[in-house]
Each structure stands twice: as structure tokens, then as C-alpha cells.
C-alpha atoms as a PDB file:
ATOM      1  CA  UNK A   1      16.922   5.343 -19.392  1.00  0.00           C
ATOM      2  CA  UNK A   2      14.907   4.711 -16.247  1.00  0.00           C
ATOM      3  CA  UNK A   3      11.881   2.441 -16.659  1.00  0.00           C
ATOM      4  CA  UNK A   4       8.945   1.601 -14.409  1.00  0.00           C
ATOM      5  CA  UNK A   5       8.364  -2.001 -13.337  1.00  0.00           C
ATOM      6  CA  UNK A   6       5.391  -3.593 -11.582  1.00  0.00           C
ATOM      7  CA  UNK A   7       6.298  -6.433  -9.219  1.00  0.00           C
ATOM      8  CA  UNK A   8       3.805  -8.916  -7.802  1.00  0.00           C
ATOM      9  CA  UNK A   9       4.387 -11.562  -5.182  1.00  0.00           C
ATOM     10  CA  UNK A  10       4.040 -12.377  -1.521  1.00  0.00           C
ATOM     11  CA  UNK A  11       6.013 -12.643   1.692  1.00  0.00           C
ATOM     12  CA  UNK A  12       5.655 -14.594   4.895  1.00  0.00           C
ATOM     13  CA  UNK A  13       4.961 -12.704   8.061  1.00  0.00           C
ATOM     14  CA  UNK A  14       3.890 -14.230  11.393  1.00  0.00           C
ATOM     15  CA  UNK A  15       2.888 -17.499   9.740  1.00  0.00           C
ATOM     16  CA  UNK A  16       0.705 -15.852   7.088  1.00  0.00           C
ATOM     17  CA  UNK A  17       1.251 -14.948   3.442  1.00  0.00           C
ATOM     18  CA  UNK A  18       0.903 -11.271   2.613  1.00  0.00           C
ATOM     19  CA  UNK A  19       0.432 -10.426  -1.090  1.00  0.00           C
ATOM     20  CA  UNK A  20       1.925  -7.298  -2.583  1.00  0.00           C
ATOM     21  CA  UNK A  21       1.989  -5.305  -5.803  1.00  0.00           C
ATOM     22  CA  UNK A  22       4.463  -2.476  -6.097  1.00  0.00           C
ATOM     23  CA  UNK A  23       5.743  -0.141  -8.801  1.00  0.00           C
ATOM     24  CA  UNK A  24       9.406   0.844  -8.806  1.00  0.00           C
ATOM     25  CA  UNK A  25      11.700   2.866 -11.047  1.00  0.00           C
ATOM     26  CA  UNK A  26      14.824   1.013 -12.184  1.00  0.00           C
ATOM     27  CA  UNK A  27      17.186   0.592 -15.112  1.00  0.00           C
ATOM     28  CA  UNK A  28      16.643  -3.167 -15.432  1.00  0.00           C
ATOM     29  CA  UNK A  29      14.474  -5.906 -13.862  1.00  0.00           C
ATOM     30  CA  UNK A  30      17.259  -7.133 -11.562  1.00  0.00           C
ATOM     31  CA  UNK A  31      17.537  -3.670 -10.027  1.00  0.00           C
ATOM     32  CA  UNK A  32      13.758  -3.542  -9.548  1.00  0.00           C
ATOM     33  CA  UNK A  33      13.908  -6.908  -7.730  1.00  0.00           C
ATOM     34  CA  UNK A  34      16.614  -5.590  -5.381  1.00  0.00           C
ATOM     35  CA  UNK A  35      14.571  -2.466  -4.623  1.00  0.00           C
ATOM     36  CA  UNK A  36      11.580  -4.631  -3.736  1.00  0.00           C
ATOM     37  CA  UNK A  37      13.666  -6.799  -1.380  1.00  0.00           C
ATOM     38  CA  UNK A  38      15.087  -3.687   0.277  1.00  0.00           C
ATOM     39  CA  UNK A  39      11.749  -1.898   0.623  1.00  0.00           C
ATOM     40  CA  UNK A  40       9.715  -4.851   1.915  1.00  0.00           C
ATOM     41  CA  UNK A  41      12.503  -5.994   4.222  1.00  0.00           C
ATOM     42  CA  UNK A  42      12.818  -2.523   5.676  1.00  0.00           C
ATOM     43  CA  UNK A  43       9.109  -1.841   6.128  1.00  0.00           C
ATOM     44  CA  UNK A  44       8.015  -5.256   7.377  1.00  0.00           C
ATOM     45  CA  UNK A  45      11.246  -6.644   8.910  1.00  0.00           C
ATOM     46  CA  UNK A  46      11.110  -9.683   6.601  1.00  0.00           C
ATOM     47  CA  UNK A  47      14.195 -11.589   5.468  1.00  0.00           C
ATOM     48  CA  UNK A  48      14.854 -11.897   1.731  1.00  0.00           C
ATOM     49  CA  UNK A  49      14.293 -15.659   1.663  1.00  0.00           C
ATOM     50  CA  UNK A  50      10.706 -15.095   2.866  1.00  0.00           C
ATOM     51  CA  UNK A  51       9.932 -12.720  -0.037  1.00  0.00           C
ATOM     52  CA  UNK A  52       8.738 -14.374  -3.253  1.00  0.00           C
ATOM     53  CA  UNK A  53       8.456 -12.271  -6.401  1.00  0.00           C
ATOM     54  CA  UNK A  54       6.181 -13.959  -8.948  1.00  0.00           C
ATOM     55  CA  UNK A  55       6.326 -11.440 -11.798  1.00  0.00           C
ATOM     56  CA  UNK A  56       8.227  -8.372 -12.941  1.00  0.00           C
ATOM     57  CA  UNK A  57       6.621  -6.486 -15.807  1.00  0.00           C
ATOM     58  CA  UNK A  58       7.644  -3.223 -17.449  1.00  0.00           C
ATOM     59  CA  UNK A  59       4.807  -0.684 -17.518  1.00  0.00           C
ATOM     60  CA  UNK A  60       4.438   2.873 -18.767  1.00  0.00           C
ATOM     61  CA  UNK A  61       4.802   5.582 -16.103  1.00  0.00           C
ATOM     62  CA  UNK A  62       1.213   6.695 -16.738  1.00  0.00           C
ATOM     63  CA  UNK A  63      -0.064   3.235 -15.702  1.00  0.00           C
ATOM     64  CA  UNK A  64       1.683   3.395 -12.340  1.00  0.00           C
ATOM     65  CA  UNK A  65      -0.471   3.585  -9.219  1.00  0.00           C
ATOM     66  CA  UNK A  66       2.320   5.377  -7.351  1.00  0.00           C
ATOM     67  CA  UNK A  67       1.851   9.121  -6.914  1.00  0.00           C
ATOM     68  CA  UNK A  68       5.619   9.656  -6.705  1.00  0.00           C
ATOM     69  CA  UNK A  69       6.337   7.810  -9.949  1.00  0.00           C
ATOM     70  CA  UNK A  70       3.560   9.728 -11.687  1.00  0.00           C
ATOM     71  CA  UNK A  71       4.986  13.060 -10.549  1.00  0.00           C
ATOM     72  CA  UNK A  72       8.528  12.114 -11.543  1.00  0.00           C
ATOM     73  CA  UNK A  73       7.416  10.978 -15.004  1.00  0.00           C
ATOM     74  CA  UNK A  74       5.658  14.312 -15.599  1.00  0.00           C
ATOM     75  CA  UNK A  75       8.742  16.187 -14.469  1.00  0.00           C
ATOM     76  CA  UNK A  76       7.174  17.915 -11.517  1.00  0.00           C
END
């Protein structure tokens, strides 16, 4: 069953640290970590070794801040 995970961390970009919090749908925490690496790397052109994930926590879909995850959890 697909779960929702909240990931918090930071990444280095142009000599500065940029903090992030993101919600992703995944089957297990390792998959959520990979999705975060892929998404941040794609959007910000940051290599994986510059991305640091501090925490991965399972949350309920209703607690997600993502509009897409909220719509998918309601089935619409």
C-alpha cells in the first residue's frame, strides 16, 4: 500500500544551504529518499552528494501540504 512520507533536509547550491520540506508518495522510506534525490536534482541541478536528508517520517495523507497528494488520497 502506498504511504505518504515527509522529508526534511537541505542541499548546497551556489555556496549556500537551501532547506527543504517535501511530501512524497512511496511504498517504503528508501523509495521516498530516491524520489527526493531525483526531484531536487532535476529541479535545482544539484548532485546527490550535495543533498542531505535529515528526517523521513510517515504522515497521513490528510496532513500533507501537497495539493496533488491530497487529491490522490481522496480519489479525485
